[in-house]
């Protein structure tokens, strides 16, 4: 029983360490060409709530936003 408990403890620590090391980035296209203060507040709160996650907000002018998002969807 001690061996099983020790194995589970080590596995738990390894999983926790792996999740702490793994950072994620969320790419956000902001149509309108600017990131407004209210938008930045939401982004900052999201990043604070999701440790290890960063938001890469890209402001794109309205005239090119649709094409930019379609290209992003299609090609990554």
N, C-alpha and C. Protein backbone atom coordinates (compact mmCIF):
# COMPACT_ATOMS: atom_id res chain seq x y z
N UNK A 1 0.82 -1.19 0.00
CA UNK A 1 0.00 0.00 0.00
C UNK A 1 0.87 1.26 0.00
N UNK A 2 1.99 1.23 0.74
CA UNK A 2 2.87 2.38 0.79
C UNK A 2 3.49 2.64 -0.58
N UNK A 3 3.80 1.56 -1.30
CA UNK A 3 4.40 1.70 -2.61
C UNK A 3 3.42 2.36 -3.59
N UNK A 4 2.15 1.97 -3.51
CA UNK A 4 1.12 2.56 -4.38
C UNK A 4 0.95 4.03 -4.05
N UNK A 5 0.88 4.36 -2.78
CA UNK A 5 0.72 5.74 -2.35
C UNK A 5 1.91 6.59 -2.79
N UNK A 6 3.12 6.05 -2.68
CA UNK A 6 4.32 6.78 -3.10
C UNK A 6 4.30 6.99 -4.61
N UNK A 7 3.86 5.99 -5.36
CA UNK A 7 3.78 6.11 -6.81
C UNK A 7 2.77 7.17 -7.21
N UNK A 8 1.61 7.16 -6.56
CA UNK A 8 0.59 8.16 -6.85
C UNK A 8 1.08 9.56 -6.49
N UNK A 9 1.80 9.70 -5.40
CA UNK A 9 2.32 11.00 -4.99
C UNK A 9 3.32 11.52 -6.01
N UNK A 10 4.23 10.67 -6.43
CA UNK A 10 5.24 11.07 -7.42
C UNK A 10 4.56 11.42 -8.75
N UNK A 11 3.56 10.63 -9.15
CA UNK A 11 2.84 10.92 -10.39
C UNK A 11 2.12 12.26 -10.30
N UNK A 12 1.51 12.52 -9.17
CA UNK A 12 0.82 13.79 -8.96
C UNK A 12 1.76 14.98 -9.03
N UNK A 13 2.92 14.83 -8.42
CA UNK A 13 3.91 15.91 -8.45
C UNK A 13 4.40 16.13 -9.88
N UNK A 14 4.65 15.06 -10.60
CA UNK A 14 5.12 15.17 -11.99
C UNK A 14 4.07 15.86 -12.86
N UNK A 15 2.80 15.50 -12.69
CA UNK A 15 1.74 16.14 -13.46
C UNK A 15 1.63 17.62 -13.13
N UNK A 16 1.70 17.94 -11.85
CA UNK A 16 1.61 19.34 -11.43
C UNK A 16 2.80 20.14 -11.97
N UNK A 17 3.98 19.58 -11.91
CA UNK A 17 5.17 20.27 -12.43
C UNK A 17 5.06 20.46 -13.93
N UNK A 18 4.56 19.46 -14.63
CA UNK A 18 4.40 19.58 -16.07
C UNK A 18 3.40 20.64 -16.46
N UNK A 19 2.31 20.76 -15.71
CA UNK A 19 1.31 21.77 -16.04
C UNK A 19 1.80 23.17 -15.69
N UNK A 20 2.68 23.29 -14.70
CA UNK A 20 3.21 24.61 -14.36
C UNK A 20 4.21 25.08 -15.42
N UNK A 21 4.93 24.16 -16.02
CA UNK A 21 5.94 24.50 -17.00
C UNK A 21 5.29 24.86 -18.33
N UNK A 22 4.19 24.21 -18.65
CA UNK A 22 3.55 24.40 -19.93
C UNK A 22 2.79 25.72 -19.96
N UNK A 23 3.31 26.67 -20.70
CA UNK A 23 2.63 27.96 -20.88
C UNK A 23 1.83 27.91 -22.17
N UNK A 24 0.76 28.65 -22.19
CA UNK A 24 -0.08 28.69 -23.38
C UNK A 24 -0.29 30.13 -23.79
N UNK A 25 -0.40 30.33 -25.10
CA UNK A 25 -0.67 31.66 -25.62
C UNK A 25 -1.96 31.62 -26.42
N UNK A 26 -2.82 32.58 -26.17
CA UNK A 26 -4.07 32.71 -26.90
C UNK A 26 -3.91 33.91 -27.83
N UNK A 27 -4.13 33.69 -29.12
CA UNK A 27 -4.03 34.77 -30.09
C UNK A 27 -5.42 35.35 -30.28
N UNK A 28 -5.55 36.66 -30.10
CA UNK A 28 -6.84 37.34 -30.18
C UNK A 28 -6.76 38.44 -31.21
N UNK A 29 -7.64 38.40 -32.19
CA UNK A 29 -7.70 39.45 -33.19
C UNK A 29 -8.75 40.47 -32.75
N UNK A 30 -8.32 41.71 -32.60
CA UNK A 30 -9.21 42.79 -32.17
C UNK A 30 -9.54 43.64 -33.39
N UNK A 31 -10.73 43.44 -33.96
CA UNK A 31 -11.15 44.25 -35.11
C UNK A 31 -11.40 45.68 -34.66
N UNK A 32 -10.94 46.62 -35.46
CA UNK A 32 -11.12 48.03 -35.14
C UNK A 32 -9.81 48.78 -35.09
N UNK A 33 -8.71 48.08 -35.09
CA UNK A 33 -7.41 48.73 -35.18
C UNK A 33 -6.82 49.22 -33.87
N UNK A 34 -7.49 48.98 -32.75
CA UNK A 34 -6.94 49.41 -31.47
C UNK A 34 -7.41 48.48 -30.36
N UNK A 35 -6.66 48.47 -29.28
CA UNK A 35 -7.07 47.74 -28.09
C UNK A 35 -7.49 48.79 -27.08
N UNK A 36 -8.78 48.85 -26.82
CA UNK A 36 -9.32 49.86 -25.90
C UNK A 36 -9.02 49.48 -24.46
N UNK A 37 -9.12 50.45 -23.58
CA UNK A 37 -8.82 50.23 -22.16
C UNK A 37 -9.71 49.13 -21.57
N UNK A 38 -10.98 49.13 -21.93
CA UNK A 38 -11.90 48.10 -21.42
C UNK A 38 -11.49 46.71 -21.91
N UNK A 39 -11.04 46.63 -23.16
CA UNK A 39 -10.57 45.35 -23.70
C UNK A 39 -9.34 44.87 -22.94
N UNK A 40 -8.41 45.78 -22.69
CA UNK A 40 -7.18 45.42 -21.98
C UNK A 40 -7.49 44.97 -20.56
N UNK A 41 -8.49 45.58 -19.92
CA UNK A 41 -8.90 45.18 -18.57
C UNK A 41 -9.37 43.73 -18.57
N UNK A 42 -10.19 43.36 -19.56
CA UNK A 42 -10.69 41.99 -19.65
C UNK A 42 -9.54 41.02 -19.91
N UNK A 43 -8.62 41.41 -20.79
CA UNK A 43 -7.47 40.56 -21.10
C UNK A 43 -6.62 40.35 -19.86
N UNK A 44 -6.35 41.42 -19.13
CA UNK A 44 -5.54 41.33 -17.92
C UNK A 44 -6.19 40.44 -16.86
N UNK A 45 -7.51 40.59 -16.68
CA UNK A 45 -8.23 39.74 -15.72
C UNK A 45 -8.20 38.28 -16.15
N UNK A 46 -8.35 38.02 -17.45
CA UNK A 46 -8.31 36.65 -17.96
C UNK A 46 -6.95 36.02 -17.68
N UNK A 47 -5.87 36.76 -17.97
CA UNK A 47 -4.53 36.24 -17.73
C UNK A 47 -4.29 36.00 -16.24
N UNK A 48 -4.84 36.85 -15.38
CA UNK A 48 -4.68 36.67 -13.93
C UNK A 48 -5.42 35.42 -13.45
N UNK A 49 -6.58 35.15 -14.05
CA UNK A 49 -7.38 33.98 -13.65
C UNK A 49 -6.81 32.68 -14.20
N UNK A 50 -6.10 32.75 -15.31
CA UNK A 50 -5.56 31.56 -15.97
C UNK A 50 -4.04 31.61 -15.92
N UNK A 51 -3.47 31.15 -14.83
CA UNK A 51 -2.02 31.19 -14.67
C UNK A 51 -1.32 30.43 -15.79
N UNK A 52 -0.29 31.02 -16.35
CA UNK A 52 0.46 30.39 -17.43
C UNK A 52 -0.10 30.69 -18.81
N UNK A 53 -1.23 31.38 -18.87
CA UNK A 53 -1.83 31.72 -20.16
C UNK A 53 -1.59 33.20 -20.43
N UNK A 54 -1.09 33.50 -21.63
CA UNK A 54 -0.94 34.88 -22.05
C UNK A 54 -1.80 35.12 -23.28
N UNK A 55 -2.25 36.35 -23.41
CA UNK A 55 -3.09 36.72 -24.54
C UNK A 55 -2.28 37.64 -25.44
N UNK A 56 -2.16 37.24 -26.69
CA UNK A 56 -1.50 38.06 -27.71
C UNK A 56 -2.61 38.74 -28.50
N UNK A 57 -2.97 39.95 -28.10
CA UNK A 57 -4.05 40.68 -28.76
C UNK A 57 -3.47 41.48 -29.93
N UNK A 58 -4.00 41.22 -31.10
CA UNK A 58 -3.52 41.89 -32.31
C UNK A 58 -4.61 42.82 -32.85
N UNK A 59 -4.40 44.14 -32.77
CA UNK A 59 -5.38 45.06 -33.33
C UNK A 59 -5.28 45.07 -34.87
N UNK A 60 -6.41 44.92 -35.53
CA UNK A 60 -6.46 44.87 -36.98
C UNK A 60 -7.52 45.87 -37.45
N UNK A 61 -7.18 46.74 -38.41
CA UNK A 61 -8.16 47.71 -38.92
C UNK A 61 -9.40 47.03 -39.50
N UNK A 62 -10.55 47.72 -39.41
CA UNK A 62 -11.80 47.15 -39.88
C UNK A 62 -11.71 46.69 -41.33
N UNK A 63 -11.07 47.45 -42.19
CA UNK A 63 -11.03 47.13 -43.62
C UNK A 63 -10.34 45.81 -43.94
N UNK A 64 -9.45 45.37 -43.08
CA UNK A 64 -8.72 44.12 -43.36
C UNK A 64 -9.03 43.01 -42.36
N UNK A 65 -9.92 43.28 -41.44
CA UNK A 65 -10.17 42.34 -40.35
C UNK A 65 -10.77 41.02 -40.85
N UNK A 66 -11.76 41.09 -41.72
CA UNK A 66 -12.42 39.86 -42.18
C UNK A 66 -11.42 38.96 -42.91
N UNK A 67 -10.64 39.52 -43.81
CA UNK A 67 -9.65 38.72 -44.53
C UNK A 67 -8.59 38.16 -43.59
N UNK A 68 -8.20 38.96 -42.61
CA UNK A 68 -7.18 38.52 -41.65
C UNK A 68 -7.69 37.34 -40.82
N UNK A 69 -8.92 37.43 -40.34
CA UNK A 69 -9.46 36.34 -39.52
C UNK A 69 -9.69 35.09 -40.35
N UNK A 70 -10.11 35.24 -41.61
CA UNK A 70 -10.30 34.07 -42.47
C UNK A 70 -8.95 33.40 -42.74
N UNK A 71 -7.93 34.19 -42.96
CA UNK A 71 -6.59 33.64 -43.19
C UNK A 71 -6.09 32.94 -41.94
N UNK A 72 -6.34 33.51 -40.79
CA UNK A 72 -5.92 32.92 -39.52
C UNK A 72 -6.64 31.59 -39.30
N UNK A 73 -7.97 31.56 -39.57
CA UNK A 73 -8.74 30.32 -39.41
C UNK A 73 -8.23 29.23 -40.35
N UNK A 74 -7.95 29.61 -41.55
CA UNK A 74 -7.55 28.65 -42.58
C UNK A 74 -6.12 28.13 -42.35
N UNK A 75 -5.24 29.03 -42.03
CA UNK A 75 -3.82 28.67 -42.06
C UNK A 75 -3.15 28.64 -40.69
N UNK A 76 -3.82 29.07 -39.66
CA UNK A 76 -3.24 29.02 -38.32
C UNK A 76 -2.42 30.14 -37.96
